[in-house]
C-alpha atoms as a PDB file:
ATOM      1  CA  MET A   1       0.000   0.000   0.000  1.00  0.00           C
ATOM      2  CA  TRP A   2       1.314   3.408  -0.989  1.00  0.00           C
ATOM      3  CA  ASN A   3       1.857   5.749   1.965  1.00  0.00           C
ATOM      4  CA  MET A   4       2.936   8.939   0.196  1.00  0.00           C
ATOM      5  CA  ASN A   5       6.259   7.322  -0.681  1.00  0.00           C
ATOM      6  CA  ASP A   6       8.710   9.034  -3.007  1.00  0.00           C
ATOM      7  CA  ILE A   7      10.943   7.510  -5.618  1.00  0.00           C
ATOM      8  CA  LYS A   8      14.516   7.883  -4.409  1.00  0.00           C
ATOM      9  CA  ARG A   9      16.388   6.227  -7.266  1.00  0.00           C
ATOM     10  CA  ILE A  10      15.843   5.474 -10.939  1.00  0.00           C
ATOM     11  CA  GLU A  11      18.121   3.562 -13.259  1.00  0.00           C
ATOM     12  CA  TYR A  12      17.606   3.116 -16.982  1.00  0.00           C
ATOM     13  CA  LYS A  13      17.848  -0.566 -17.872  1.00  0.00           C
ATOM     14  CA  ARG A  14      16.897  -1.141 -21.513  1.00  0.00           C
ATOM     15  CA  GLU A  15      14.282  -0.280 -24.137  1.00  0.00           C
ATOM     16  CA  TYR A  16      11.433   1.353 -22.146  1.00  0.00           C
ATOM     17  CA  ILE A  17      12.369  -0.073 -18.747  1.00  0.00           C
ATOM     18  CA  TYR A  18      13.560   1.730 -15.649  1.00  0.00           C
ATOM     19  CA  HIS A  19      14.407   0.244 -12.303  1.00  0.00           C
ATOM     20  CA  LEU A  20      12.573   2.313  -9.666  1.00  0.00           C
ATOM     21  CA  GLU A  21      13.285   2.360  -5.952  1.00  0.00           C
ATOM     22  CA  PHE A  22      11.018   4.021  -3.408  1.00  0.00           C
ATOM     23  CA  ASP A  23      12.080   5.513  -0.090  1.00  0.00           C
ATOM     24  CA  ASP A  24      10.610   2.578   1.841  1.00  0.00           C
ATOM     25  CA  GLY A  25      12.750   0.085  -0.089  1.00  0.00           C
ATOM     26  CA  ILE A  26      10.185  -1.310  -2.509  1.00  0.00           C
ATOM     27  CA  HIS A  27      11.710  -1.552  -5.980  1.00  0.00           C
ATOM     28  CA  ALA A  28      11.166  -3.178  -9.345  1.00  0.00           C
ATOM     29  CA  GLU A  29      11.841  -2.866 -13.038  1.00  0.00           C
ATOM     30  CA  ILE A  30       8.920  -1.094 -14.690  1.00  0.00           C
ATOM     31  CA  ASP A  31       8.155  -1.265 -18.398  1.00  0.00           C
ATOM     32  CA  PHE A  32       6.846   2.095 -19.567  1.00  0.00           C
ATOM     33  CA  SER A  33       6.085   0.952 -23.141  1.00  0.00           C
ATOM     34  CA  PRO A  34       2.308   0.675 -22.477  1.00  0.00           C
ATOM     35  CA  TYR A  35       2.266   4.443 -21.869  1.00  0.00           C
ATOM     36  CA  LEU A  36       3.340   5.058 -25.472  1.00  0.00           C
ATOM     37  CA  LYS A  37      -0.193   4.169 -26.581  1.00  0.00           C
ATOM     38  CA  ARG A  38      -1.979   6.463 -24.107  1.00  0.00           C
ATOM     39  CA  GLY A  39      -2.305   9.543 -26.229  1.00  0.00           C
ATOM     40  CA  PRO A  40      -0.296  12.449 -27.568  1.00  0.00           C
ATOM     41  CA  VAL A  41       1.055  13.613 -24.217  1.00  0.00           C
ATOM     42  CA  PHE A  42       3.138  10.408 -24.029  1.00  0.00           C
ATOM     43  CA  LYS A  43       4.344  10.547 -27.672  1.00  0.00           C
ATOM     44  CA  PRO A  44       7.747  12.106 -26.788  1.00  0.00           C
ATOM     45  CA  LEU A  45       8.581   8.985 -24.770  1.00  0.00           C
ATOM     46  CA  SER A  46       8.691   6.973 -27.993  1.00  0.00           C
ATOM     47  CA  ASP A  47      12.015   8.676 -28.789  1.00  0.00           C
ATOM     48  CA  PRO A  48      14.598   6.502 -26.973  1.00  0.00           C
ATOM     49  CA  THR A  49      16.958   9.445 -26.473  1.00  0.00           C
ATOM     50  CA  PHE A  50      14.204  11.467 -24.812  1.00  0.00           C
ATOM     51  CA  PHE A  51      13.000   8.485 -22.764  1.00  0.00           C
ATOM     52  CA  LYS A  52      16.486   8.058 -21.270  1.00  0.00           C
ATOM     53  CA  GLN A  53      16.423  11.661 -19.976  1.00  0.00           C
ATOM     54  CA  ALA A  54      14.150  10.846 -17.035  1.00  0.00           C
ATOM     55  CA  ILE A  55      14.860  12.443 -13.675  1.00  0.00           C
ATOM     56  CA  ILE A  56      13.304  12.350 -10.231  1.00  0.00           C
ATOM     57  CA  ALA A  57      11.054  15.359  -9.645  1.00  0.00           C
ATOM     58  CA  GLY A  58       8.369  15.782  -7.027  1.00  0.00           C
ATOM     59  CA  GLY A  59       8.983  12.264  -5.726  1.00  0.00           C
ATOM     60  CA  THR A  60       8.332  10.542  -9.041  1.00  0.00           C
ATOM     61  CA  ILE A  61       9.880   9.898 -12.437  1.00  0.00           C
ATOM     62  CA  ALA A  62       9.603  12.826 -14.834  1.00  0.00           C
ATOM     63  CA  TRP A  63      10.863  13.914 -18.239  1.00  0.00           C
ATOM     64  CA  PRO A  64      12.175  17.272 -19.492  1.00  0.00           C
ATOM     65  CA  ASN A  65       8.820  18.273 -21.018  1.00  0.00           C
ATOM     66  CA  GLY A  66       7.128  18.112 -17.588  1.00  0.00           C
ATOM     67  CA  LEU A  67       5.542  14.723 -18.150  1.00  0.00           C
ATOM     68  CA  ASP A  68       5.442  12.579 -15.046  1.00  0.00           C
ATOM     69  CA  ILE A  69       3.560   9.552 -13.781  1.00  0.00           C
ATOM     70  CA  ALA A  70       1.792   9.500 -10.426  1.00  0.00           C
ATOM     71  CA  PRO A  71       4.001   7.888  -7.808  1.00  0.00           C
ATOM     72  CA  GLU A  72       1.092   5.897  -6.394  1.00  0.00           C
ATOM     73  CA  THR A  73       0.589   4.288  -9.809  1.00  0.00           C
ATOM     74  CA  LEU A  74       4.259   3.364 -10.021  1.00  0.00           C
ATOM     75  CA  TYR A  75       4.275   2.086  -6.452  1.00  0.00           C
ATOM     76  CA  GLU A  76       1.389  -0.220  -7.297  1.00  0.00           C
ATOM     77  CA  LYS A  77       3.254  -1.446 -10.382  1.00  0.00           C
ATOM     78  CA  CYS A  78       6.279  -2.216  -8.191  1.00  0.00           C
ATOM     79  CA  GLU A  79       4.098  -4.150  -5.763  1.00  0.00           C
ATOM     80  CA  GLN A  80       2.549  -6.108  -8.627  1.00  0.00           C
ATOM     81  CA  ALA A  81       5.944  -6.880 -10.154  1.00  0.00           C
ATOM     82  CA  ASN A  82       7.223  -8.142  -6.811  1.00  0.00           C
ATOM     83  CA  ALA A  83       4.106 -10.250  -6.248  1.00  0.00           C
ATOM     84  CA  LEU A  84       4.527 -11.858  -9.660  1.00  0.00           C
ATOM     85  CA  ASN A  85       8.199 -12.558  -9.150  1.00  0.00           C
ATOM     86  CA  PRO A  86       9.117 -12.594  -5.448  1.00  0.00           C
ATOM     87  CA  LEU A  87      12.392 -14.419  -6.100  1.00  0.00           C
ATOM     88  CA  SER A  88      13.648 -11.553  -8.293  1.00  0.00           C
ATOM     89  CA  ALA A  89      12.724  -9.036  -5.611  1.00  0.00           C
ATOM     90  CA  ALA A  90      14.616 -11.055  -2.981  1.00  0.00           C
ATOM     91  CA  LEU A  91      17.680 -11.372  -5.201  1.00  0.00           C
ATOM     92  CA  LEU A  92      17.746  -7.638  -5.872  1.00  0.00           C
ATOM     93  CA  GLU A  93      17.638  -6.923  -2.139  1.00  0.00           C
ATOM     94  CA  ASP A  94      20.806  -8.988  -1.727  1.00  0.00           C
ATOM     95  CA  GLU A  95      22.749  -6.812  -4.215  1.00  0.00           C
END
């Protein structure tokens, strides 16, 4: 459950995937490619060079054009990813 947590670290992995880590330790690799089909506001993300320019702003991932994604949505995606693959989550914690 999201409790107003902020993203504290992002790391570009490949294609449209970033590894996100929240301030409470929850983390996962998130595929942002589904966002490319969500309308014109997300169109700039289809440029790989632009996509790789993500930063942390306001506790979430954001891009230079001001586009961001609600942290609670990303937190839920991290929870889902960890529920689907708990072994991967455990292995990442050991790194």
